Amino acid sequence: MLLKLEKATKKHIEFLWNLRNDKDVRRQSLNKKKIKLTTHQKWFKRSQKNFFLKMYIFYLKKDEYIGYVRFALKNLYTETSIALTKKYRGKNLSKNMLLLAEKKIGKKKFTAKVNCDNIKSISLFKSLDYYIVSKKNNFYFMKKKTKKIN
């Protein structure tokens, strides 16, 4: 399966809103509440103007989106977030999504906040050289090992 990505635009608002409100995605999120469409639309509009927030939508076939990777650029590190639609979970796509998005963003230092109960996400990030730095409020703070150039 050939993964493709594109920068998130307003045509993706409803897809992102539905994915964000998916019960499994909410259960693993920092904010577990359902989000109203109007609230999401306002957030998305602000996010499009935010230089420090980058979001990529992934698909296998045009107009059949499978998930997203979002980056929040913070000081020295770039915080990573990922979600897939239920149909595409468990199909070994998230690792390639994350690798493609990291390459696209072109940064070197990545972090992630992962729910301690989310074994699949913890395994995903560990498989990409992230390691657990600390734990707070049932979330692990993870950092990606930076590769040294000789």
C-alpha atoms as a PDB file:
ATOM      1  CA  MET A   1       0.000   0.000   0.000  1.00  0.00           C
ATOM      2  CA  LEU A   2       1.427   3.325  -1.072  1.00  0.00           C
ATOM      3  CA  LEU A   3       0.868   6.015   1.541  1.00  0.00           C
ATOM      4  CA  LYS A   4       0.458   9.595   0.433  1.00  0.00           C
ATOM      5  CA  LEU A   5       0.270  12.738   2.510  1.00  0.00           C
ATOM      6  CA  GLU A   6      -0.888  16.271   2.055  1.00  0.00           C
ATOM      7  CA  LYS A   7      -0.953  19.323   4.238  1.00  0.00           C
ATOM      8  CA  ALA A   8      -4.226  19.637   6.155  1.00  0.00           C
ATOM      9  CA  THR A   9      -6.565  22.218   4.651  1.00  0.00           C
ATOM     10  CA  LYS A  10     -10.157  23.285   5.245  1.00  0.00           C
ATOM     11  CA  LYS A  11     -11.360  20.420   3.026  1.00  0.00           C
ATOM     12  CA  HIS A  12     -10.188  18.081   5.815  1.00  0.00           C
ATOM     13  CA  ILE A  13     -12.126  19.751   8.645  1.00  0.00           C
ATOM     14  CA  GLU A  14     -14.958  17.240   8.816  1.00  0.00           C
ATOM     15  CA  PHE A  15     -12.614  14.252   8.518  1.00  0.00           C
ATOM     16  CA  LEU A  16     -10.445  15.580  11.364  1.00  0.00           C
ATOM     17  CA  TRP A  17     -13.481  16.406  13.497  1.00  0.00           C
ATOM     18  CA  ASN A  18     -14.942  12.911  13.051  1.00  0.00           C
ATOM     19  CA  LEU A  19     -11.606  11.275  13.803  1.00  0.00           C
ATOM     20  CA  ARG A  20     -11.020  13.457  16.859  1.00  0.00           C
ATOM     21  CA  ASN A  21     -14.468  12.512  18.196  1.00  0.00           C
ATOM     22  CA  ASP A  22     -13.969   8.786  17.595  1.00  0.00           C
ATOM     23  CA  LYS A  23     -14.483   7.116  20.998  1.00  0.00           C
ATOM     24  CA  ASP A  24     -11.158   5.243  20.863  1.00  0.00           C
ATOM     25  CA  VAL A  25      -9.232   8.378  19.862  1.00  0.00           C
ATOM     26  CA  ARG A  26     -10.893  10.385  22.660  1.00  0.00           C
ATOM     27  CA  ARG A  27     -10.114   7.662  25.210  1.00  0.00           C
ATOM     28  CA  GLN A  28      -6.380   8.046  24.430  1.00  0.00           C
ATOM     29  CA  SER A  29      -6.369  11.852  24.205  1.00  0.00           C
ATOM     30  CA  LEU A  30      -5.464  14.471  26.777  1.00  0.00           C
ATOM     31  CA  ASN A  31      -8.947  15.963  26.300  1.00  0.00           C
ATOM     32  CA  LYS A  32     -11.473  13.121  26.366  1.00  0.00           C
ATOM     33  CA  LYS A  33     -14.588  15.228  25.743  1.00  0.00           C
ATOM     34  CA  LYS A  34     -16.520  15.313  22.483  1.00  0.00           C
ATOM     35  CA  ILE A  35     -15.888  18.467  20.516  1.00  0.00           C
ATOM     36  CA  LYS A  36     -18.639  20.413  18.750  1.00  0.00           C
ATOM     37  CA  LEU A  37     -18.142  21.026  15.042  1.00  0.00           C
ATOM     38  CA  THR A  38     -18.213  24.814  15.514  1.00  0.00           C
ATOM     39  CA  THR A  39     -15.510  24.595  18.190  1.00  0.00           C
ATOM     40  CA  HIS A  40     -13.411  22.388  15.922  1.00  0.00           C
ATOM     41  CA  GLN A  41     -13.849  24.752  12.977  1.00  0.00           C
ATOM     42  CA  LYS A  42     -12.624  27.692  15.075  1.00  0.00           C
ATOM     43  CA  TRP A  43      -9.638  25.683  16.307  1.00  0.00           C
ATOM     44  CA  PHE A  44      -8.789  24.591  12.768  1.00  0.00           C
ATOM     45  CA  LYS A  45      -8.972  28.138  11.437  1.00  0.00           C
ATOM     46  CA  ARG A  46      -6.576  29.306  14.177  1.00  0.00           C
ATOM     47  CA  SER A  47      -4.285  26.313  13.588  1.00  0.00           C
ATOM     48  CA  GLN A  48      -3.932  27.193   9.906  1.00  0.00           C
ATOM     49  CA  LYS A  49      -2.490  30.569  10.902  1.00  0.00           C
ATOM     50  CA  ASN A  50      -0.169  29.068  13.506  1.00  0.00           C
ATOM     51  CA  PHE A  51       3.354  28.717  12.118  1.00  0.00           C
ATOM     52  CA  PHE A  52       4.236  26.357  14.997  1.00  0.00           C
ATOM     53  CA  LEU A  53       1.526  23.791  14.187  1.00  0.00           C
ATOM     54  CA  LYS A  54       1.890  21.482  11.174  1.00  0.00           C
ATOM     55  CA  MET A  55      -0.611  18.790  10.258  1.00  0.00           C
ATOM     56  CA  TYR A  56      -0.514  16.179   7.507  1.00  0.00           C
ATOM     57  CA  ILE A  57      -3.400  14.059   6.267  1.00  0.00           C
ATOM     58  CA  PHE A  58      -2.642  10.564   4.978  1.00  0.00           C
ATOM     59  CA  TYR A  59      -4.487   8.578   2.355  1.00  0.00           C
ATOM     60  CA  LEU A  60      -4.112   5.515   0.179  1.00  0.00           C
ATOM     61  CA  LYS A  61      -6.696   6.563  -2.394  1.00  0.00           C
ATOM     62  CA  LYS A  62      -7.648  10.155  -3.151  1.00  0.00           C
ATOM     63  CA  ASP A  63     -10.430  11.344  -0.839  1.00  0.00           C
ATOM     64  CA  GLU A  64     -10.195   8.255   1.394  1.00  0.00           C
ATOM     65  CA  TYR A  65      -8.282   9.636   4.336  1.00  0.00           C
ATOM     66  CA  ILE A  66      -6.835   7.206   6.844  1.00  0.00           C
ATOM     67  CA  GLY A  67      -5.343   9.435   9.525  1.00  0.00           C
ATOM     68  CA  TYR A  68      -3.169  12.363  10.454  1.00  0.00           C
ATOM     69  CA  VAL A  69       0.131  13.281  12.025  1.00  0.00           C
ATOM     70  CA  ARG A  70       0.279  16.644  13.792  1.00  0.00           C
ATOM     71  CA  PHE A  71       3.369  18.472  14.998  1.00  0.00           C
ATOM     72  CA  ALA A  72       3.543  21.297  17.507  1.00  0.00           C
ATOM     73  CA  LEU A  73       6.895  23.037  17.290  1.00  0.00           C
ATOM     74  CA  LYS A  74       7.997  23.955  20.813  1.00  0.00           C
ATOM     75  CA  ASN A  75      11.351  25.461  21.721  1.00  0.00           C
ATOM     76  CA  LEU A  76      13.911  22.735  21.071  1.00  0.00           C
ATOM     77  CA  TYR A  77      11.508  19.860  20.401  1.00  0.00           C
ATOM     78  CA  THR A  78       8.609  19.077  18.096  1.00  0.00           C
ATOM     79  CA  GLU A  79       5.667  17.375  19.837  1.00  0.00           C
ATOM     80  CA  THR A  80       4.097  14.608  17.770  1.00  0.00           C
ATOM     81  CA  SER A  81       0.499  13.388  17.667  1.00  0.00           C
ATOM     82  CA  ILE A  82      -0.986  10.670  15.456  1.00  0.00           C
ATOM     83  CA  ALA A  83      -4.424   9.142  14.859  1.00  0.00           C
ATOM     84  CA  LEU A  84      -5.853   6.647  12.380  1.00  0.00           C
ATOM     85  CA  THR A  85      -9.411   5.812  11.416  1.00  0.00           C
ATOM     86  CA  LYS A  86     -10.764   2.584  12.875  1.00  0.00           C
ATOM     87  CA  LYS A  87     -10.740   0.887   9.445  1.00  0.00           C
ATOM     88  CA  TYR A  88      -6.960   1.307   9.132  1.00  0.00           C
ATOM     89  CA  ARG A  89      -5.808   0.579  12.678  1.00  0.00           C
ATOM     90  CA  GLY A  90      -3.730  -2.556  13.125  1.00  0.00           C
ATOM     91  CA  LYS A  91      -2.548  -2.591   9.499  1.00  0.00           C
ATOM     92  CA  ASN A  92       1.029  -1.432  10.205  1.00  0.00           C
ATOM     93  CA  LEU A  93       0.487   1.986   8.611  1.00  0.00           C
ATOM     94  CA  SER A  94       1.219   4.250  11.577  1.00  0.00           C
ATOM     95  CA  LYS A  95       4.972   3.637  11.566  1.00  0.00           C
ATOM     96  CA  ASN A  96       5.289   4.645   7.913  1.00  0.00           C
ATOM     97  CA  MET A  97       2.974   7.610   8.468  1.00  0.00           C
ATOM     98  CA  LEU A  98       5.139   8.872  11.285  1.00  0.00           C
ATOM     99  CA  LEU A  99       8.386   8.330   9.369  1.00  0.00           C
ATOM    100  CA  LEU A 100       7.057  10.164   6.298  1.00  0.00           C
ATOM    101  CA  ALA A 101       5.748  13.057   8.388  1.00  0.00           C
ATOM    102  CA  GLU A 102       8.988  13.400  10.373  1.00  0.00           C
ATOM    103  CA  LYS A 103      10.927  13.484   7.118  1.00  0.00           C
ATOM    104  CA  LYS A 104       8.545  16.079   5.673  1.00  0.00           C
ATOM    105  CA  ILE A 105       8.781  18.354   8.717  1.00  0.00           C
ATOM    106  CA  GLY A 106      12.578  18.153   8.578  1.00  0.00           C
ATOM    107  CA  LYS A 107      13.182  18.549  12.304  1.00  0.00           C
ATOM    108  CA  LYS A 108      15.540  16.455  14.387  1.00  0.00           C
ATOM    109  CA  LYS A 109      14.151  16.419  17.934  1.00  0.00           C
ATOM    110  CA  PHE A 110      10.712  14.880  18.511  1.00  0.00           C
ATOM    111  CA  THR A 111       8.586  14.204  21.572  1.00  0.00           C
ATOM    112  CA  ALA A 112       5.201  12.596  22.220  1.00  0.00           C
ATOM    113  CA  LYS A 113       2.691  12.398  25.069  1.00  0.00           C
ATOM    114  CA  VAL A 114       1.204   8.908  25.143  1.00  0.00           C
ATOM    115  CA  ASN A 115      -1.532   7.524  27.366  1.00  0.00           C
ATOM    116  CA  CYS A 116       0.067   4.906  29.643  1.00  0.00           C
ATOM    117  CA  ASP A 117      -2.709   2.452  28.705  1.00  0.00           C
ATOM    118  CA  ASN A 118      -2.102   2.858  24.970  1.00  0.00           C
ATOM    119  CA  ILE A 119       0.201  -0.114  24.452  1.00  0.00           C
ATOM    120  CA  LYS A 120       0.059   0.119  20.640  1.00  0.00           C
ATOM    121  CA  SER A 121       1.155   3.773  20.570  1.00  0.00           C
ATOM    122  CA  ILE A 122       3.887   3.153  23.112  1.00  0.00           C
ATOM    123  CA  SER A 123       5.164   0.281  20.925  1.00  0.00           C
ATOM    124  CA  LEU A 124       4.909   2.460  17.813  1.00  0.00           C
ATOM    125  CA  PHE A 125       6.985   5.256  19.284  1.00  0.00           C
ATOM    126  CA  LYS A 126       9.509   2.851  20.813  1.00  0.00           C
ATOM    127  CA  SER A 127       9.918   1.182  17.399  1.00  0.00           C
ATOM    128  CA  LEU A 128      10.967   4.593  16.068  1.00  0.00           C
ATOM    129  CA  ASP A 129      13.596   5.183  18.780  1.00  0.00           C
ATOM    130  CA  TYR A 130      11.446   7.137  21.221  1.00  0.00           C
ATOM    131  CA  TYR A 131      12.012   6.398  24.884  1.00  0.00           C
ATOM    132  CA  ILE A 132      10.066   7.201  28.041  1.00  0.00           C
ATOM    133  CA  VAL A 133      11.410  10.220  29.913  1.00  0.00           C
ATOM    134  CA  SER A 134       8.723  10.698  32.565  1.00  0.00           C
ATOM    135  CA  LYS A 135       5.140   9.964  33.583  1.00  0.00           C
ATOM    136  CA  LYS A 136       2.478  12.465  34.632  1.00  0.00           C
ATOM    137  CA  ASN A 137      -1.310  12.104  34.977  1.00  0.00           C
ATOM    138  CA  ASN A 138      -1.358   8.674  33.273  1.00  0.00           C
ATOM    139  CA  PHE A 139       0.655   9.942  30.279  1.00  0.00           C
ATOM    140  CA  TYR A 140       4.195   9.109  29.318  1.00  0.00           C
ATOM    141  CA  PHE A 141       6.385  11.879  27.986  1.00  0.00           C
ATOM    142  CA  MET A 142       8.592  10.329  25.306  1.00  0.00           C
ATOM    143  CA  LYS A 143      11.574  11.668  23.348  1.00  0.00           C
ATOM    144  CA  LYS A 144      13.098  10.407  20.158  1.00  0.00           C
ATOM    145  CA  LYS A 145      16.769   9.531  20.325  1.00  0.00           C
ATOM    146  CA  THR A 146      18.727  11.918  18.164  1.00  0.00           C
ATOM    147  CA  LYS A 147      21.206  10.300  15.840  1.00  0.00           C
ATOM    148  CA  LYS A 148      24.733  11.599  16.088  1.00  0.00           C
ATOM    149  CA  ILE A 149      26.567  12.276  12.858  1.00  0.00           C
ATOM    150  CA  ASN A 150      30.205  11.181  12.883  1.00  0.00           C
END
